[in-house]
Amino acid sequence: MTDPADGPDLNGRSAPAVFLQRQSYRRRRLMDAARLLPLFGALLLAVPLLWPVPRPGDDPVEGAVSMSDAMIYIFSAWLVLIATIALFGLSTRLWTGSDSPLGKGRSR
């Protein structure tokens, strides 16, 4: 099947080309990335579940991660997620402000 936007319609007119301005395109891609951020965060925080854990009474498992290293990883991942969210919010605010009718950087 062909896409209706590729050729003329039944009346012989061609469909108008879809054009998005750069700012709105970038804002939409940023919103798409922001929607994937919770999934990325869940994957980051689930990584320690894959690490081998030593059992009490057994010899230490080779390659086992200590609890302190796991906690450092969790808090580091948490800080990275906070910084990423802050950057997303800042960039969204800057791009949205330039699209406002009052001018660049001004919003109501």
Protein backbone atom coordinates (compact mmCIF):
# COMPACT_ATOMS: atom_id res chain seq x y z
CA MET A 1 0.00 0.00 0.00
CA THR A 2 1.11 3.51 -0.60
CA ASP A 3 1.09 6.35 1.83
CA PRO A 4 -1.65 8.91 1.05
CA ALA A 5 0.78 11.73 1.69
CA ASP A 6 3.01 10.52 -1.16
CA GLY A 7 0.66 11.19 -4.03
CA PRO A 8 -2.39 13.16 -5.04
CA ASP A 9 -5.72 12.55 -3.35
CA LEU A 10 -9.01 11.71 -5.11
CA ASN A 11 -9.50 15.30 -6.29
CA GLY A 12 -6.08 15.40 -7.96
CA ARG A 13 -4.52 17.67 -5.34
CA SER A 14 -1.34 16.66 -3.61
CA ALA A 15 -1.28 16.55 0.16
CA PRO A 16 0.58 19.42 1.84
CA ALA A 17 4.02 18.64 3.16
CA VAL A 18 4.32 18.29 6.89
CA PHE A 19 6.84 20.76 8.25
CA LEU A 20 7.86 21.19 11.86
CA GLN A 21 9.96 24.08 13.03
CA ARG A 22 13.28 23.17 14.58
CA GLN A 23 12.31 24.39 18.03
CA SER A 24 9.11 22.37 18.20
CA TYR A 25 10.88 19.32 16.75
CA ARG A 26 13.64 19.53 19.35
CA ARG A 27 11.12 20.09 22.13
CA ARG A 28 9.18 17.00 21.06
CA ARG A 29 12.34 14.88 20.98
CA LEU A 30 13.24 16.19 24.43
CA MET A 31 9.79 15.23 25.68
CA ASP A 32 10.22 11.76 24.17
CA ALA A 33 13.55 11.37 25.96
CA ALA A 34 11.97 12.60 29.21
CA ARG A 35 9.31 9.90 28.89
CA LEU A 36 12.04 7.25 28.71
CA LEU A 37 13.90 8.63 31.73
CA PRO A 38 11.91 6.63 34.36
CA LEU A 39 12.69 3.41 32.49
CA PHE A 40 16.37 4.37 32.35
CA GLY A 41 16.30 5.11 36.09
CA ALA A 42 14.66 1.80 36.89
CA LEU A 43 17.31 -0.04 34.88
CA LEU A 44 20.10 1.87 36.63
CA LEU A 45 18.69 1.09 40.06
CA ALA A 46 18.11 -2.58 39.18
CA VAL A 47 21.75 -3.26 38.23
CA PRO A 48 22.76 -4.19 41.82
CA LEU A 49 20.21 -7.01 41.72
CA LEU A 50 22.46 -8.75 39.20
CA TRP A 51 25.57 -8.62 41.41
CA PRO A 52 26.55 -11.84 43.21
CA VAL A 53 25.90 -11.82 46.95
CA PRO A 54 28.04 -13.84 49.37
CA ARG A 55 26.10 -16.26 51.58
CA PRO A 56 26.82 -16.38 55.30
CA GLY A 57 29.07 -19.26 56.31
CA ASP A 58 30.38 -19.86 52.78
CA ASP A 59 33.66 -18.73 51.36
CA PRO A 60 33.40 -15.23 49.87
CA VAL A 61 32.19 -15.39 46.31
CA GLU A 62 34.77 -14.20 43.88
CA GLY A 63 33.65 -10.89 42.40
CA ALA A 64 31.04 -10.23 45.09
CA VAL A 65 30.28 -6.58 45.72
CA SER A 66 30.26 -5.25 49.25
CA MET A 67 27.18 -3.52 50.65
CA SER A 68 29.03 -0.21 50.91
CA ASP A 69 29.97 -0.31 47.21
CA ALA A 70 26.37 -1.12 46.31
CA MET A 71 25.09 1.83 48.37
CA ILE A 72 27.62 4.16 46.73
CA TYR A 73 26.39 2.97 43.33
CA ILE A 74 22.72 3.49 44.27
CA PHE A 75 23.29 7.04 45.52
CA SER A 76 25.51 7.87 42.53
CA ALA A 77 22.82 6.64 40.14
CA TRP A 78 20.25 8.65 42.09
CA LEU A 79 22.36 11.82 41.79
CA VAL A 80 22.86 11.23 38.06
CA LEU A 81 19.09 10.91 37.61
CA ILE A 82 18.49 14.13 39.58
CA ALA A 83 21.07 16.02 37.49
CA THR A 84 19.57 14.65 34.26
CA ILE A 85 16.07 15.68 35.28
CA ALA A 86 17.35 19.16 36.21
CA LEU A 87 18.98 19.50 32.77
CA PHE A 88 15.78 18.37 31.05
CA GLY A 89 13.75 20.89 33.03
CA LEU A 90 16.18 23.73 32.32
CA SER A 91 16.36 23.02 28.60
CA THR A 92 12.59 22.66 28.35
CA ARG A 93 12.09 25.97 30.15
CA LEU A 94 14.58 27.72 27.85
CA TRP A 95 13.08 26.30 24.65
CA THR A 96 9.51 26.93 25.74
CA GLY A 97 10.32 30.52 26.73
CA SER A 98 11.59 31.33 23.24
CA ASP A 99 8.32 30.04 21.75
CA SER A 100 6.15 32.33 23.87
CA PRO A 101 4.40 35.26 22.19
CA LEU A 102 6.05 37.71 24.60
CA GLY A 103 9.52 37.01 23.28
CA LYS A 104 12.61 35.11 24.23
CA GLY A 105 12.91 34.09 27.84
CA ARG A 106 9.73 35.85 28.97
CA SER A 107 6.67 33.96 30.01
CA ARG A 108 3.61 34.73 32.07
